[in-house]
Amino acid sequence: MGKALSLRADYDAAGLRRLARTTKHAGQSRRLVALAAIYDGASRGAAARLAGTDRQIVRDWVVRFDTDGPDGLVDRHAGGAAPRITPSVLEALAHRIEEGSIAAVHGVTGWRLRDLCAWLHEQHGVSLSESRMSRIVRREGFRLLTARPRHYAQNPEAQDIFRAEFILNESSGVPKRAYL
């Protein structure tokens, strides 16, 4: 059986409970209350029951508290996987989009998400789904701009007549029907 760990001498139970009340991290607050119980003389098993965990976890908290103080009891997050797109690759992608496509060279008249995904995989070895590429492209400030479709039976002369019938009344700014 290993040697019992002692808590730091520069803190006491009342101080830890005060810190537990003022912290914004619920996990840190729960850990501080458990360690305050140990300062009051409770066993590690009793502190573990108080915190809703087991003795080994409380021992880990004691080690973290002894080395880093109360800040060592804040939840630690691993941070997730490293980003697949580095800033240099992102810059190359933005440059590619800004250049636009040349039909004779690239084989497309405009960049589609699948074309950008294929280019990114070929040039940089990064595989992304179209939905992920869409989020990246939109985050970088690019938008898909297309011309509005025109109806095949559209009559420009009828549009001019329609526009001429509705002229803004300059005094009130309210549309007024004008008869020609």
C-alpha atoms as a PDB file:
ATOM      1  CA  MET A   1       0.000   0.000   0.000  1.00  0.00           C
ATOM      2  CA  GLY A   2       1.293   3.435  -0.953  1.00  0.00           C
ATOM      3  CA  LYS A   3       2.067   6.352   1.285  1.00  0.00           C
ATOM      4  CA  ALA A   4      -0.788   8.734   2.098  1.00  0.00           C
ATOM      5  CA  LEU A   5      -0.667  12.057   0.288  1.00  0.00           C
ATOM      6  CA  SER A   6      -0.891  15.233   2.319  1.00  0.00           C
ATOM      7  CA  LEU A   7      -2.623  18.393   1.194  1.00  0.00           C
ATOM      8  CA  ARG A   8      -0.906  21.757   0.875  1.00  0.00           C
ATOM      9  CA  ALA A   9      -0.441  23.663   4.073  1.00  0.00           C
ATOM     10  CA  ASP A  10      -1.159  27.100   2.590  1.00  0.00           C
ATOM     11  CA  TYR A  11      -4.908  26.433   2.283  1.00  0.00           C
ATOM     12  CA  ASP A  12      -7.588  25.436   4.771  1.00  0.00           C
ATOM     13  CA  ALA A  13     -11.157  24.090   4.620  1.00  0.00           C
ATOM     14  CA  ALA A  14     -12.825  27.493   4.990  1.00  0.00           C
ATOM     15  CA  GLY A  15     -10.664  28.995   2.241  1.00  0.00           C
ATOM     16  CA  LEU A  16     -11.477  26.163  -0.163  1.00  0.00           C
ATOM     17  CA  ARG A  17     -15.190  26.466   0.520  1.00  0.00           C
ATOM     18  CA  ARG A  18     -14.989  30.216  -0.112  1.00  0.00           C
ATOM     19  CA  LEU A  19     -13.242  29.528  -3.427  1.00  0.00           C
ATOM     20  CA  ALA A  20     -15.881  26.906  -4.272  1.00  0.00           C
ATOM     21  CA  ARG A  21     -18.641  29.501  -3.824  1.00  0.00           C
ATOM     22  CA  THR A  22     -16.959  32.092  -6.038  1.00  0.00           C
ATOM     23  CA  THR A  23     -15.786  29.913  -8.918  1.00  0.00           C
ATOM     24  CA  LYS A  24     -17.641  29.782 -12.218  1.00  0.00           C
ATOM     25  CA  HIS A  25     -16.669  26.153 -12.928  1.00  0.00           C
ATOM     26  CA  ALA A  26     -19.036  23.602 -11.415  1.00  0.00           C
ATOM     27  CA  GLY A  27     -16.487  20.784 -11.572  1.00  0.00           C
ATOM     28  CA  GLN A  28     -13.863  22.858  -9.786  1.00  0.00           C
ATOM     29  CA  SER A  29     -16.397  23.791  -7.114  1.00  0.00           C
ATOM     30  CA  ARG A  30     -17.271  20.126  -6.495  1.00  0.00           C
ATOM     31  CA  ARG A  31     -13.581  19.194  -6.245  1.00  0.00           C
ATOM     32  CA  LEU A  32     -12.818  22.062  -3.863  1.00  0.00           C
ATOM     33  CA  VAL A  33     -15.666  21.007  -1.539  1.00  0.00           C
ATOM     34  CA  ALA A  34     -14.368  17.421  -1.511  1.00  0.00           C
ATOM     35  CA  LEU A  35     -10.855  18.615  -0.638  1.00  0.00           C
ATOM     36  CA  ALA A  36     -12.280  20.920   2.044  1.00  0.00           C
ATOM     37  CA  ALA A  37     -13.865  17.834   3.620  1.00  0.00           C
ATOM     38  CA  ILE A  38     -10.427  16.190   3.681  1.00  0.00           C
ATOM     39  CA  TYR A  39      -8.988  19.295   5.402  1.00  0.00           C
ATOM     40  CA  ASP A  40     -11.761  18.902   7.992  1.00  0.00           C
ATOM     41  CA  GLY A  41     -10.573  15.357   8.701  1.00  0.00           C
ATOM     42  CA  ALA A  42     -12.812  13.243   6.461  1.00  0.00           C
ATOM     43  CA  SER A  43     -11.316  10.173   4.845  1.00  0.00           C
ATOM     44  CA  ARG A  44     -10.701  10.061   1.121  1.00  0.00           C
ATOM     45  CA  GLY A  45     -13.521   7.537   0.801  1.00  0.00           C
ATOM     46  CA  ALA A  46     -15.912   9.953   2.541  1.00  0.00           C
ATOM     47  CA  ALA A  47     -14.721  12.802   0.300  1.00  0.00           C
ATOM     48  CA  ALA A  48     -15.241  10.567  -2.732  1.00  0.00           C
ATOM     49  CA  ARG A  49     -18.807   9.781  -1.653  1.00  0.00           C
ATOM     50  CA  LEU A  50     -19.416  13.492  -1.083  1.00  0.00           C
ATOM     51  CA  ALA A  51     -18.176  14.270  -4.607  1.00  0.00           C
ATOM     52  CA  GLY A  52     -19.958  11.300  -6.184  1.00  0.00           C
ATOM     53  CA  THR A  53     -16.808   9.598  -7.414  1.00  0.00           C
ATOM     54  CA  ASP A  54     -14.233   7.045  -6.227  1.00  0.00           C
ATOM     55  CA  ARG A  55     -11.111   7.335  -4.068  1.00  0.00           C
ATOM     56  CA  GLN A  56      -8.659   7.128  -6.975  1.00  0.00           C
ATOM     57  CA  ILE A  57     -10.200  10.183  -8.609  1.00  0.00           C
ATOM     58  CA  VAL A  58      -9.966  12.086  -5.311  1.00  0.00           C
ATOM     59  CA  ARG A  59      -6.311  11.070  -5.081  1.00  0.00           C
ATOM     60  CA  ASP A  60      -5.757  12.507  -8.579  1.00  0.00           C
ATOM     61  CA  TRP A  61      -7.419  15.744  -7.460  1.00  0.00           C
ATOM     62  CA  VAL A  62      -5.099  15.914  -4.435  1.00  0.00           C
ATOM     63  CA  VAL A  63      -2.061  15.515  -6.695  1.00  0.00           C
ATOM     64  CA  ARG A  64      -3.318  18.206  -9.081  1.00  0.00           C
ATOM     65  CA  PHE A  65      -4.193  20.506  -6.186  1.00  0.00           C
ATOM     66  CA  ASP A  66      -0.772  20.046  -4.568  1.00  0.00           C
ATOM     67  CA  THR A  67       1.069  20.913  -7.778  1.00  0.00           C
ATOM     68  CA  ASP A  68      -1.147  23.635  -9.320  1.00  0.00           C
ATOM     69  CA  GLY A  69      -3.357  24.850  -6.479  1.00  0.00           C
ATOM     70  CA  PRO A  70      -7.062  25.535  -7.063  1.00  0.00           C
ATOM     71  CA  ASP A  71      -6.431  26.275 -10.746  1.00  0.00           C
ATOM     72  CA  GLY A  72      -5.360  22.651 -11.197  1.00  0.00           C
ATOM     73  CA  LEU A  73      -8.911  21.537 -10.412  1.00  0.00           C
ATOM     74  CA  VAL A  74     -10.513  23.273 -13.407  1.00  0.00           C
ATOM     75  CA  ASP A  75     -11.762  20.891 -16.108  1.00  0.00           C
ATOM     76  CA  ARG A  76      -9.100  20.142 -18.669  1.00  0.00           C
ATOM     77  CA  HIS A  77     -10.095  19.612 -22.248  1.00  0.00           C
ATOM     78  CA  ALA A  78      -7.895  17.807 -24.739  1.00  0.00           C
ATOM     79  CA  GLY A  79      -8.686  20.337 -27.451  1.00  0.00           C
ATOM     80  CA  GLY A  80      -9.749  17.833 -30.087  1.00  0.00           C
ATOM     81  CA  ALA A  81      -7.970  16.786 -33.221  1.00  0.00           C
ATOM     82  CA  ALA A  82      -5.487  19.067 -34.910  1.00  0.00           C
ATOM     83  CA  PRO A  83      -7.026  21.087 -37.753  1.00  0.00           C
ATOM     84  CA  ARG A  84      -6.567  19.448 -41.125  1.00  0.00           C
ATOM     85  CA  ILE A  85      -6.383  22.758 -42.934  1.00  0.00           C
ATOM     86  CA  THR A  86      -3.374  24.855 -41.981  1.00  0.00           C
ATOM     87  CA  PRO A  87      -3.367  28.619 -42.509  1.00  0.00           C
ATOM     88  CA  SER A  88      -1.130  28.241 -45.586  1.00  0.00           C
ATOM     89  CA  VAL A  89      -3.537  25.716 -47.155  1.00  0.00           C
ATOM     90  CA  LEU A  90      -6.465  28.003 -46.288  1.00  0.00           C
ATOM     91  CA  GLU A  91      -4.670  30.892 -47.979  1.00  0.00           C
ATOM     92  CA  ALA A  92      -4.064  28.765 -51.097  1.00  0.00           C
ATOM     93  CA  LEU A  93      -7.758  27.805 -51.137  1.00  0.00           C
ATOM     94  CA  ALA A  94      -8.841  31.449 -50.860  1.00  0.00           C
ATOM     95  CA  HIS A  95      -6.446  32.379 -53.668  1.00  0.00           C
ATOM     96  CA  ARG A  96      -7.844  29.565 -55.821  1.00  0.00           C
ATOM     97  CA  ILE A  97     -11.421  30.771 -55.284  1.00  0.00           C
ATOM     98  CA  GLU A  98     -10.531  34.421 -55.934  1.00  0.00           C
ATOM     99  CA  GLU A  99      -8.729  33.539 -59.184  1.00  0.00           C
ATOM    100  CA  GLY A 100     -11.806  31.795 -60.485  1.00  0.00           C
ATOM    101  CA  SER A 101     -11.812  28.920 -62.901  1.00  0.00           C
ATOM    102  CA  ILE A 102     -10.772  28.885 -66.531  1.00  0.00           C
ATOM    103  CA  ALA A 103     -12.904  26.449 -68.495  1.00  0.00           C
ATOM    104  CA  ALA A 104     -10.100  25.439 -70.889  1.00  0.00           C
ATOM    105  CA  VAL A 105      -7.608  24.820 -68.066  1.00  0.00           C
ATOM    106  CA  HIS A 106      -9.699  23.554 -65.189  1.00  0.00           C
ATOM    107  CA  GLY A 107     -12.533  21.926 -67.102  1.00  0.00           C
ATOM    108  CA  VAL A 108     -15.248  23.811 -65.187  1.00  0.00           C
ATOM    109  CA  THR A 109     -16.844  27.208 -65.685  1.00  0.00           C
ATOM    110  CA  GLY A 110     -17.230  27.897 -61.983  1.00  0.00           C
ATOM    111  CA  TRP A 111     -15.927  26.293 -58.802  1.00  0.00           C
ATOM    112  CA  ARG A 112     -18.276  23.831 -57.192  1.00  0.00           C
ATOM    113  CA  LEU A 113     -17.661  22.508 -53.708  1.00  0.00           C
ATOM    114  CA  ARG A 114     -16.811  19.078 -55.076  1.00  0.00           C
ATOM    115  CA  ASP A 115     -14.235  20.642 -57.421  1.00  0.00           C
ATOM    116  CA  LEU A 116     -12.607  22.464 -54.523  1.00  0.00           C
ATOM    117  CA  CYS A 117     -12.591  19.273 -52.432  1.00  0.00           C
ATOM    118  CA  ALA A 118     -10.931  17.363 -55.276  1.00  0.00           C
ATOM    119  CA  TRP A 119      -8.339  20.110 -55.799  1.00  0.00           C
ATOM    120  CA  LEU A 120      -7.583  20.234 -52.078  1.00  0.00           C
ATOM    121  CA  HIS A 121      -7.089  16.461 -51.997  1.00  0.00           C
ATOM    122  CA  GLU A 122      -4.866  16.435 -55.086  1.00  0.00           C
ATOM    123  CA  GLN A 123      -2.701  19.408 -54.164  1.00  0.00           C
ATOM    124  CA  HIS A 124      -2.494  19.187 -50.375  1.00  0.00           C
ATOM    125  CA  GLY A 125      -3.623  15.658 -49.491  1.00  0.00           C
ATOM    126  CA  VAL A 126      -6.507  16.915 -47.346  1.00  0.00           C
ATOM    127  CA  SER A 127      -9.847  15.129 -47.666  1.00  0.00           C
ATOM    128  CA  LEU A 128     -12.950  17.094 -46.707  1.00  0.00           C
ATOM    129  CA  SER A 129     -16.641  16.533 -47.232  1.00  0.00           C
ATOM    130  CA  GLU A 130     -18.621  19.016 -49.282  1.00  0.00           C
ATOM    131  CA  SER A 131     -20.522  20.186 -46.209  1.00  0.00           C
ATOM    132  CA  ARG A 132     -17.283  20.877 -44.335  1.00  0.00           C
ATOM    133  CA  MET A 133     -15.871  22.677 -47.371  1.00  0.00           C
ATOM    134  CA  SER A 134     -19.058  24.755 -47.497  1.00  0.00           C
ATOM    135  CA  ARG A 135     -18.594  25.858 -43.879  1.00  0.00           C
ATOM    136  CA  ILE A 136     -14.955  26.780 -44.521  1.00  0.00           C
ATOM    137  CA  VAL A 137     -15.759  28.714 -47.691  1.00  0.00           C
ATOM    138  CA  ARG A 138     -18.568  30.642 -45.984  1.00  0.00           C
ATOM    139  CA  ARG A 139     -16.424  31.329 -42.909  1.00  0.00           C
ATOM    140  CA  GLU A 140     -13.810  32.874 -45.206  1.00  0.00           C
ATOM    141  CA  GLY A 141     -16.443  35.263 -46.574  1.00  0.00           C
ATOM    142  CA  PHE A 142     -17.129  33.693 -49.973  1.00  0.00           C
ATOM    143  CA  ARG A 143     -20.694  33.281 -51.203  1.00  0.00           C
ATOM    144  CA  LEU A 144     -22.192  31.551 -54.210  1.00  0.00           C
ATOM    145  CA  LEU A 145     -23.397  34.231 -56.576  1.00  0.00           C
ATOM    146  CA  THR A 146     -25.475  33.235 -59.564  1.00  0.00           C
ATOM    147  CA  ALA A 147     -27.588  35.202 -61.985  1.00  0.00           C
ATOM    148  CA  ARG A 148     -31.291  35.152 -61.379  1.00  0.00           C
ATOM    149  CA  PRO A 149     -33.100  32.885 -63.826  1.00  0.00           C
ATOM    150  CA  ARG A 150     -35.154  34.498 -66.547  1.00  0.00           C
ATOM    151  CA  HIS A 151     -38.419  33.236 -67.800  1.00  0.00           C
ATOM    152  CA  TYR A 152     -38.319  32.210 -71.453  1.00  0.00           C
ATOM    153  CA  ALA A 153     -41.408  34.276 -72.289  1.00  0.00           C
ATOM    154  CA  GLN A 154     -40.215  37.470 -70.652  1.00  0.00           C
ATOM    155  CA  ASN A 155     -41.209  40.625 -72.550  1.00  0.00           C
ATOM    156  CA  PRO A 156     -38.918  43.653 -71.946  1.00  0.00           C
ATOM    157  CA  GLU A 157     -41.426  46.090 -73.517  1.00  0.00           C
ATOM    158  CA  ALA A 158     -44.172  44.964 -71.142  1.00  0.00           C
ATOM    159  CA  GLN A 159     -41.786  45.519 -68.236  1.00  0.00           C
ATOM    160  CA  ASP A 160     -41.102  49.086 -69.351  1.00  0.00           C
ATOM    161  CA  ILE A 161     -44.840  49.809 -69.567  1.00  0.00           C
ATOM    162  CA  PHE A 162     -45.361  48.306 -66.098  1.00  0.00           C
ATOM    163  CA  ARG A 163     -42.538  50.419 -64.619  1.00  0.00           C
ATOM    164  CA  ALA A 164     -43.931  53.569 -66.216  1.00  0.00           C
ATOM    165  CA  GLU A 165     -47.349  52.983 -64.658  1.00  0.00           C
ATOM    166  CA  PHE A 166     -46.002  53.058 -61.110  1.00  0.00           C
ATOM    167  CA  ILE A 167     -44.061  56.219 -60.416  1.00  0.00           C
ATOM    168  CA  LEU A 168     -43.045  57.305 -56.957  1.00  0.00           C
ATOM    169  CA  ASN A 169     -44.848  60.324 -55.675  1.00  0.00           C
ATOM    170  CA  GLU A 170     -41.922  62.613 -54.854  1.00  0.00           C
ATOM    171  CA  SER A 171     -43.717  64.466 -52.074  1.00  0.00           C
ATOM    172  CA  SER A 172     -44.865  61.514 -49.970  1.00  0.00           C
ATOM    173  CA  GLY A 173     -42.670  58.643 -51.191  1.00  0.00           C
ATOM    174  CA  VAL A 174     -45.775  56.496 -51.613  1.00  0.00           C
ATOM    175  CA  PRO A 175     -46.251  54.632 -54.914  1.00  0.00           C
ATOM    176  CA  LYS A 176     -48.818  56.390 -57.068  1.00  0.00           C
ATOM    177  CA  ARG A 177     -50.451  54.964 -60.131  1.00  0.00           C
ATOM    178  CA  ALA A 178     -49.792  57.123 -63.166  1.00  0.00           C
ATOM    179  CA  TYR A 179     -51.997  56.802 -66.227  1.00  0.00           C
ATOM    180  CA  LEU A 180     -50.334  57.432 -69.538  1.00  0.00           C
END
